[in-house]
């Protein structure tokens, strides 16, 4: 049996609806390829909450564990922005509840059949059996990673 939404909350999920907005000064853009001459560097405020969160009351932050989604750019320790108000579609990265356990996988829907695909060939896909309970808890909209500690 599978469904699209659940009211269960993962133990490491942080609701963002009550959190203060984050704002930082941003200095234009920076090239990630070849260097260019310095331009006038201007700073303007950017509200990260407004940029990353469309539905504050339905959005949670969850820390990823493991390597099963590395080819999707999600690594162990990344913070995932999960929006429960987004309707899950084929190809979305989702948080699913499989027999009471939370997993992060890519949703695949074909001919009415659900598959939760790993983004690492070393991990199996999850193909729910008829008697198995699988619920899509939310859609991952962003992955935030630390590059230096």
N, C-alpha and C. Protein backbone atom coordinates (compact mmCIF):
# COMPACT_ATOMS: atom_id res chain seq x y z
N UNK A 1 0.85 -1.17 0.00
CA UNK A 1 0.00 0.00 0.00
C UNK A 1 0.89 1.23 0.00
N UNK A 2 0.61 2.18 -0.84
CA UNK A 2 1.42 3.40 -0.88
C UNK A 2 0.50 4.61 -0.93
N UNK A 3 1.00 5.71 -0.36
CA UNK A 3 0.26 6.95 -0.41
C UNK A 3 1.25 8.09 -0.56
N UNK A 4 0.75 9.31 -0.71
CA UNK A 4 1.62 10.43 -1.03
C UNK A 4 2.06 11.23 0.18
N UNK A 5 1.30 11.39 1.22
CA UNK A 5 1.73 12.20 2.37
C UNK A 5 1.50 11.49 3.69
N UNK A 6 2.33 11.82 4.65
CA UNK A 6 2.23 11.25 5.98
C UNK A 6 2.32 12.36 7.02
N UNK A 7 1.77 12.15 8.19
CA UNK A 7 1.83 13.14 9.26
C UNK A 7 2.95 12.84 10.24
N UNK A 8 3.76 11.80 9.99
CA UNK A 8 4.87 11.43 10.86
C UNK A 8 6.00 12.42 10.66
N UNK A 9 6.79 12.67 11.73
CA UNK A 9 7.90 13.62 11.66
C UNK A 9 9.21 12.89 11.97
N UNK A 10 10.21 12.95 11.07
CA UNK A 10 11.49 12.32 11.39
C UNK A 10 12.12 12.97 12.62
N UNK A 11 12.87 12.19 13.38
CA UNK A 11 13.43 12.71 14.63
C UNK A 11 14.40 13.86 14.44
N UNK A 12 15.06 13.95 13.27
CA UNK A 12 16.03 15.03 13.06
C UNK A 12 15.47 16.15 12.20
N UNK A 13 14.16 16.20 12.01
CA UNK A 13 13.55 17.25 11.20
C UNK A 13 13.35 18.51 12.04
N UNK A 14 13.68 19.65 11.44
CA UNK A 14 13.50 20.94 12.11
C UNK A 14 12.47 21.75 11.32
N UNK A 15 11.32 22.09 11.90
CA UNK A 15 10.35 22.92 11.18
C UNK A 15 10.89 24.33 11.01
N UNK A 16 10.69 24.92 9.85
CA UNK A 16 11.22 26.26 9.61
C UNK A 16 10.15 27.34 9.69
N UNK A 17 8.90 26.98 9.82
CA UNK A 17 7.82 27.95 9.85
C UNK A 17 7.91 28.95 10.97
N UNK A 18 8.53 28.58 12.08
CA UNK A 18 8.63 29.47 13.23
C UNK A 18 10.01 30.09 13.35
N UNK A 19 10.95 29.73 12.48
CA UNK A 19 12.32 30.22 12.56
C UNK A 19 12.43 31.62 12.00
N UNK A 20 13.38 32.41 12.53
CA UNK A 20 13.59 33.74 11.95
C UNK A 20 14.21 33.61 10.56
N UNK A 21 13.93 34.57 9.69
CA UNK A 21 14.49 34.57 8.35
C UNK A 21 15.99 34.82 8.42
N UNK A 22 16.72 34.19 7.53
CA UNK A 22 18.16 34.40 7.44
C UNK A 22 18.45 35.35 6.30
N UNK A 23 19.28 36.34 6.55
CA UNK A 23 19.65 37.29 5.50
C UNK A 23 21.15 37.53 5.56
N UNK A 24 21.76 37.60 4.39
CA UNK A 24 23.19 37.82 4.28
C UNK A 24 23.46 38.85 3.20
N UNK A 25 24.64 39.47 3.29
CA UNK A 25 25.08 40.37 2.23
C UNK A 25 25.73 39.53 1.14
N UNK A 26 25.35 39.76 -0.11
CA UNK A 26 25.89 39.01 -1.23
C UNK A 26 26.67 39.95 -2.13
N UNK A 27 27.87 39.57 -2.47
CA UNK A 27 28.72 40.39 -3.35
C UNK A 27 28.64 39.84 -4.76
N UNK A 28 27.66 40.26 -5.51
CA UNK A 28 27.43 39.87 -6.90
C UNK A 28 27.65 38.39 -7.13
N UNK A 29 28.33 38.04 -8.22
CA UNK A 29 28.61 36.65 -8.53
C UNK A 29 30.11 36.44 -8.61
N UNK A 30 30.53 35.22 -8.58
CA UNK A 30 31.94 34.89 -8.72
C UNK A 30 32.06 33.78 -9.75
N UNK A 31 33.03 33.89 -10.63
CA UNK A 31 33.23 32.88 -11.65
C UNK A 31 33.83 31.63 -11.02
N UNK A 32 33.34 30.49 -11.45
CA UNK A 32 33.88 29.23 -10.96
C UNK A 32 34.79 28.60 -12.01
N UNK A 33 35.05 29.35 -13.09
CA UNK A 33 35.92 28.88 -14.15
C UNK A 33 37.19 29.70 -14.18
N UNK A 34 37.37 30.49 -15.24
CA UNK A 34 38.57 31.31 -15.40
C UNK A 34 38.41 32.62 -14.65
N UNK A 35 39.52 33.14 -14.09
CA UNK A 35 39.43 34.41 -13.36
C UNK A 35 39.10 35.57 -14.30
N UNK A 36 38.48 36.58 -13.75
CA UNK A 36 38.17 37.78 -14.53
C UNK A 36 38.62 39.00 -13.74
N UNK A 37 38.83 40.12 -14.42
CA UNK A 37 39.21 41.33 -13.68
C UNK A 37 38.13 41.69 -12.66
N UNK A 38 38.56 42.24 -11.54
CA UNK A 38 37.60 42.61 -10.49
C UNK A 38 36.66 43.67 -11.01
N UNK A 39 35.39 43.48 -10.74
CA UNK A 39 34.37 44.46 -11.11
C UNK A 39 33.99 45.20 -9.84
N UNK A 40 33.20 46.23 -10.00
CA UNK A 40 32.70 46.90 -8.80
C UNK A 40 31.94 45.88 -7.98
N UNK A 41 32.38 45.69 -6.77
CA UNK A 41 31.73 44.69 -5.92
C UNK A 41 30.67 45.41 -5.09
N UNK A 42 29.44 45.08 -5.36
CA UNK A 42 28.34 45.66 -4.61
C UNK A 42 27.71 44.58 -3.76
N UNK A 43 27.16 44.95 -2.65
CA UNK A 43 26.52 43.98 -1.78
C UNK A 43 25.05 44.35 -1.63
N UNK A 44 24.23 43.34 -1.67
CA UNK A 44 22.82 43.54 -1.40
C UNK A 44 22.34 42.39 -0.53
N UNK A 45 21.32 42.66 0.23
CA UNK A 45 20.80 41.64 1.13
C UNK A 45 19.99 40.61 0.35
N UNK A 46 20.18 39.37 0.77
CA UNK A 46 19.38 38.29 0.21
C UNK A 46 18.78 37.53 1.38
N UNK A 47 17.51 37.30 1.34
CA UNK A 47 16.80 36.58 2.39
C UNK A 47 16.79 35.10 2.00
N UNK A 48 17.63 34.31 2.67
CA UNK A 48 17.72 32.89 2.33
C UNK A 48 16.40 32.17 2.54
N UNK A 49 15.68 32.51 3.59
CA UNK A 49 14.40 31.86 3.82
C UNK A 49 13.43 32.13 2.66
N UNK A 50 13.39 33.36 2.20
CA UNK A 50 12.50 33.69 1.07
C UNK A 50 12.96 32.99 -0.21
N UNK A 51 14.27 32.83 -0.37
CA UNK A 51 14.82 32.21 -1.57
C UNK A 51 14.63 30.70 -1.57
N UNK A 52 14.78 30.06 -0.41
CA UNK A 52 14.77 28.60 -0.34
C UNK A 52 13.44 28.00 0.09
N UNK A 53 12.56 28.79 0.71
CA UNK A 53 11.36 28.23 1.31
C UNK A 53 10.11 28.90 0.76
N UNK A 54 9.30 28.12 0.03
CA UNK A 54 8.05 28.65 -0.53
C UNK A 54 6.88 28.48 0.43
N UNK A 55 6.89 27.43 1.21
CA UNK A 55 5.79 27.11 2.12
C UNK A 55 6.35 26.93 3.54
N UNK A 56 6.58 28.04 4.27
CA UNK A 56 7.24 27.94 5.58
C UNK A 56 6.57 26.99 6.56
N UNK A 57 5.25 26.95 6.60
CA UNK A 57 4.57 26.10 7.58
C UNK A 57 4.64 24.62 7.23
N UNK A 58 5.06 24.31 5.99
CA UNK A 58 5.13 22.92 5.55
C UNK A 58 6.56 22.50 5.20
N UNK A 59 7.54 23.29 5.62
CA UNK A 59 8.94 23.03 5.26
C UNK A 59 9.75 22.65 6.48
N UNK A 60 10.62 21.67 6.29
CA UNK A 60 11.46 21.14 7.36
C UNK A 60 12.90 21.03 6.87
N UNK A 61 13.84 21.10 7.79
CA UNK A 61 15.25 20.85 7.50
C UNK A 61 15.61 19.50 8.10
N UNK A 62 16.22 18.64 7.28
CA UNK A 62 16.60 17.29 7.72
C UNK A 62 18.03 17.04 7.29
N UNK A 63 18.85 16.48 8.16
CA UNK A 63 20.23 16.16 7.82
C UNK A 63 20.29 14.78 7.18
N UNK A 64 20.93 14.70 6.01
CA UNK A 64 21.07 13.43 5.29
C UNK A 64 22.13 12.57 5.97
N UNK A 65 21.89 11.27 5.96
CA UNK A 65 22.87 10.30 6.46
C UNK A 65 23.08 9.25 5.37
N UNK A 66 24.33 8.91 5.11
CA UNK A 66 24.64 7.85 4.17
C UNK A 66 24.98 8.36 2.78
N UNK A 67 25.26 7.41 1.88
CA UNK A 67 25.76 7.72 0.54
C UNK A 67 24.85 7.26 -0.60
N UNK A 68 23.63 6.87 -0.31
CA UNK A 68 22.78 6.30 -1.36
C UNK A 68 22.31 7.31 -2.40
N UNK A 69 22.48 8.62 -2.13
CA UNK A 69 22.01 9.64 -3.08
C UNK A 69 23.15 10.50 -3.61
N UNK A 70 24.39 10.02 -3.53
CA UNK A 70 25.56 10.83 -3.90
C UNK A 70 25.55 11.28 -5.35
N UNK A 71 25.05 10.47 -6.28
CA UNK A 71 25.03 10.87 -7.68
C UNK A 71 23.93 11.91 -7.98
N UNK A 72 23.09 12.16 -7.00
CA UNK A 72 22.10 13.25 -7.10
C UNK A 72 22.64 14.49 -6.40
N UNK A 73 23.89 14.43 -5.92
CA UNK A 73 24.52 15.57 -5.25
C UNK A 73 24.19 15.68 -3.79
N UNK A 74 23.62 14.63 -3.20
CA UNK A 74 23.28 14.64 -1.78
C UNK A 74 24.27 13.73 -1.06
N UNK A 75 25.01 14.33 -0.11
CA UNK A 75 26.06 13.60 0.59
C UNK A 75 25.77 13.54 2.08
N UNK A 76 26.44 12.60 2.75
CA UNK A 76 26.29 12.43 4.19
C UNK A 76 26.56 13.76 4.89
N UNK A 77 25.63 14.19 5.73
CA UNK A 77 25.78 15.44 6.47
C UNK A 77 25.12 16.65 5.83
N UNK A 78 24.71 16.56 4.56
CA UNK A 78 24.01 17.68 3.93
C UNK A 78 22.71 17.96 4.66
N UNK A 79 22.31 19.23 4.65
CA UNK A 79 21.01 19.62 5.20
C UNK A 79 20.03 19.70 4.04
N UNK A 80 18.94 18.95 4.14
CA UNK A 80 17.94 18.92 3.08
C UNK A 80 16.77 19.81 3.46
N UNK A 81 16.34 20.64 2.52
CA UNK A 81 15.14 21.45 2.68
C UNK A 81 14.01 20.62 2.09
N UNK A 82 13.05 20.25 2.93
CA UNK A 82 11.97 19.35 2.52
C UNK A 82 10.64 20.08 2.64
N UNK A 83 9.92 20.15 1.51
CA UNK A 83 8.64 20.86 1.46
C UNK A 83 7.52 19.83 1.32
N UNK A 84 6.67 19.76 2.35
CA UNK A 84 5.55 18.82 2.34
C UNK A 84 4.37 19.32 1.50
N UNK A 85 4.40 20.61 1.11
CA UNK A 85 3.29 21.17 0.32
C UNK A 85 3.48 20.95 -1.18
N UNK A 86 4.66 20.53 -1.60
CA UNK A 86 4.91 20.28 -3.02
C UNK A 86 4.33 18.91 -3.37
N UNK A 87 3.58 18.83 -4.45
CA UNK A 87 3.03 17.55 -4.90
C UNK A 87 4.14 16.72 -5.52
N UNK A 88 4.42 15.54 -4.96
CA UNK A 88 5.49 14.70 -5.49
C UNK A 88 5.19 14.24 -6.91
N UNK A 89 6.21 14.33 -7.76
CA UNK A 89 6.07 13.89 -9.16
C UNK A 89 7.23 12.98 -9.52
N UNK A 90 7.06 12.28 -10.61
CA UNK A 90 8.10 11.42 -11.15
C UNK A 90 9.40 12.22 -11.31
N UNK A 91 10.51 11.70 -10.78
CA UNK A 91 11.79 12.37 -10.89
C UNK A 91 12.16 13.26 -9.72
N UNK A 92 11.20 13.58 -8.85
CA UNK A 92 11.52 14.37 -7.66
C UNK A 92 12.34 13.53 -6.67
N UNK A 93 13.26 14.19 -5.98
CA UNK A 93 13.92 13.58 -4.84
C UNK A 93 12.97 13.78 -3.67
N UNK A 94 12.67 12.68 -2.97
CA UNK A 94 11.66 12.73 -1.91
C UNK A 94 12.19 12.11 -0.63
N UNK A 95 11.51 12.45 0.46
CA UNK A 95 11.66 11.73 1.72
C UNK A 95 10.45 10.82 1.80
N UNK A 96 10.71 9.53 1.95
CA UNK A 96 9.63 8.55 2.00
C UNK A 96 9.72 7.79 3.32
N UNK A 97 8.56 7.29 3.75
CA UNK A 97 8.49 6.44 4.93
C UNK A 97 8.21 5.03 4.43
N UNK A 98 9.18 4.14 4.63
CA UNK A 98 9.05 2.75 4.18
C UNK A 98 9.02 1.87 5.42
N UNK A 99 7.86 1.30 5.69
CA UNK A 99 7.69 0.44 6.87
C UNK A 99 8.19 1.14 8.13
N UNK A 100 7.90 2.44 8.27
CA UNK A 100 8.25 3.21 9.46
C UNK A 100 9.63 3.83 9.44
N UNK A 101 10.46 3.53 8.45
CA UNK A 101 11.80 4.11 8.34
C UNK A 101 11.81 5.19 7.28
N UNK A 102 12.50 6.32 7.57
CA UNK A 102 12.61 7.43 6.63
C UNK A 102 13.80 7.20 5.70
N UNK A 103 13.57 7.42 4.39
CA UNK A 103 14.64 7.30 3.39
C UNK A 103 14.54 8.47 2.42
N UNK A 104 15.68 8.81 1.83
CA UNK A 104 15.73 9.82 0.78
C UNK A 104 16.04 9.10 -0.52
N UNK A 105 15.17 9.21 -1.51
CA UNK A 105 15.33 8.53 -2.80
C UNK A 105 14.68 9.36 -3.89
N UNK A 106 14.92 8.97 -5.14
CA UNK A 106 14.26 9.61 -6.28
C UNK A 106 12.98 8.84 -6.58
N UNK A 107 11.86 9.56 -6.68
CA UNK A 107 10.57 8.94 -6.95
C UNK A 107 10.45 8.61 -8.43
N UNK A 108 10.09 7.37 -8.71
CA UNK A 108 9.82 6.93 -10.08
C UNK A 108 8.41 6.35 -10.11
N UNK A 109 7.58 6.93 -10.98
CA UNK A 109 6.20 6.44 -11.14
C UNK A 109 6.02 6.00 -12.59
N UNK A 110 5.73 4.74 -12.80
CA UNK A 110 5.49 4.21 -14.14
C UNK A 110 4.29 3.29 -14.09
N UNK A 111 3.34 3.55 -14.95
CA UNK A 111 2.13 2.72 -15.06
C UNK A 111 1.48 2.49 -13.70
N UNK A 112 1.45 3.55 -12.89
CA UNK A 112 0.80 3.47 -11.59
C UNK A 112 1.61 2.75 -10.52
N UNK A 113 2.83 2.34 -10.84
CA UNK A 113 3.70 1.64 -9.89
C UNK A 113 4.79 2.57 -9.38
N UNK A 114 5.01 2.56 -8.09
CA UNK A 114 6.02 3.41 -7.46
C UNK A 114 7.32 2.64 -7.30
N UNK A 115 8.42 3.36 -7.54
CA UNK A 115 9.76 2.84 -7.23
C UNK A 115 10.53 3.99 -6.61
N UNK A 116 11.30 3.69 -5.59
CA UNK A 116 12.17 4.68 -4.96
C UNK A 116 13.59 4.32 -5.35
N UNK A 117 14.19 5.18 -6.18
CA UNK A 117 15.48 4.87 -6.78
C UNK A 117 16.63 5.50 -6.02
N UNK A 118 17.66 4.70 -5.75
CA UNK A 118 18.89 5.20 -5.16
C UNK A 118 19.69 5.90 -6.25
N UNK A 119 20.53 6.84 -5.86
CA UNK A 119 21.41 7.54 -6.81
C UNK A 119 22.85 7.12 -6.55
N UNK A 120 23.02 5.83 -6.34
CA UNK A 120 24.32 5.23 -6.12
C UNK A 120 24.16 3.76 -6.49
N UNK A 121 24.94 3.26 -7.46
CA UNK A 121 24.77 1.87 -7.90
C UNK A 121 25.03 0.84 -6.81
N UNK A 122 25.67 1.22 -5.71
CA UNK A 122 25.92 0.30 -4.62
C UNK A 122 24.72 0.08 -3.70
N UNK A 123 23.62 0.79 -3.96
CA UNK A 123 22.43 0.67 -3.12
C UNK A 123 21.25 0.22 -3.97
N UNK A 124 20.41 -0.67 -3.44
CA UNK A 124 19.25 -1.15 -4.22
C UNK A 124 18.13 -0.11 -4.26
N UNK A 125 17.34 -0.17 -5.33
CA UNK A 125 16.10 0.61 -5.39
C UNK A 125 15.08 -0.06 -4.48
N UNK A 126 14.09 0.70 -4.09
CA UNK A 126 13.00 0.15 -3.27
C UNK A 126 11.77 0.04 -4.15
N UNK A 127 11.31 -1.19 -4.35
CA UNK A 127 10.10 -1.45 -5.12
C UNK A 127 9.09 -2.03 -4.13
N UNK A 128 8.11 -1.22 -3.72
CA UNK A 128 7.17 -1.69 -2.70
C UNK A 128 6.37 -2.91 -3.16
N UNK A 129 6.25 -3.85 -2.24
CA UNK A 129 5.40 -5.01 -2.48
C UNK A 129 3.97 -4.61 -2.15
N UNK A 130 3.01 -5.40 -2.61
CA UNK A 130 1.60 -5.07 -2.40
C UNK A 130 1.24 -4.88 -0.93
N UNK A 131 1.85 -5.64 -0.05
CA UNK A 131 1.52 -5.55 1.38
C UNK A 131 2.37 -4.53 2.13
N UNK A 132 3.35 -3.92 1.46
CA UNK A 132 4.28 -3.00 2.11
C UNK A 132 3.70 -1.59 2.17
N UNK A 133 3.91 -0.91 3.31
CA UNK A 133 3.44 0.46 3.48
C UNK A 133 4.56 1.43 3.11
N UNK A 134 4.29 2.29 2.11
CA UNK A 134 5.24 3.31 1.68
C UNK A 134 4.47 4.61 1.53
N UNK A 135 4.96 5.68 2.17
CA UNK A 135 4.32 6.98 2.05
C UNK A 135 5.37 8.01 1.66
N UNK A 136 5.02 8.92 0.76
CA UNK A 136 5.90 10.03 0.42
C UNK A 136 5.63 11.12 1.44
N UNK A 137 6.65 11.47 2.22
CA UNK A 137 6.50 12.43 3.31
C UNK A 137 6.69 13.86 2.84
N UNK A 138 7.60 14.09 1.89
CA UNK A 138 7.84 15.43 1.39
C UNK A 138 8.82 15.41 0.23
N UNK A 139 8.94 16.55 -0.45
CA UNK A 139 9.82 16.68 -1.60
C UNK A 139 11.04 17.50 -1.20
N UNK A 140 12.23 16.98 -1.52
CA UNK A 140 13.47 17.69 -1.25
C UNK A 140 13.61 18.79 -2.30
N UNK A 141 13.68 20.04 -1.86
CA UNK A 141 13.78 21.15 -2.80
C UNK A 141 15.19 21.71 -2.91
N UNK A 142 15.99 21.55 -1.84
CA UNK A 142 17.39 22.02 -1.85
C UNK A 142 18.22 21.10 -0.96
N UNK A 143 19.50 21.02 -1.28
CA UNK A 143 20.50 20.36 -0.45
C UNK A 143 21.56 21.39 -0.11
N UNK A 144 21.80 21.59 1.17
CA UNK A 144 22.78 22.58 1.63
C UNK A 144 23.96 21.82 2.20
N UNK A 145 25.16 22.13 1.72
CA UNK A 145 26.33 21.39 2.17
C UNK A 145 27.40 22.33 2.72
N UNK A 146 28.16 21.81 3.67
CA UNK A 146 29.29 22.55 4.22
C UNK A 146 30.53 22.16 3.43
N UNK A 147 31.29 23.15 3.00
CA UNK A 147 32.52 22.88 2.27
C UNK A 147 33.74 23.03 3.16
N UNK A 148 33.61 23.74 4.25
CA UNK A 148 34.70 23.89 5.21
C UNK A 148 34.11 23.99 6.61
N UNK A 149 34.84 23.47 7.55
CA UNK A 149 34.32 23.52 8.93
C UNK A 149 34.98 24.63 9.72
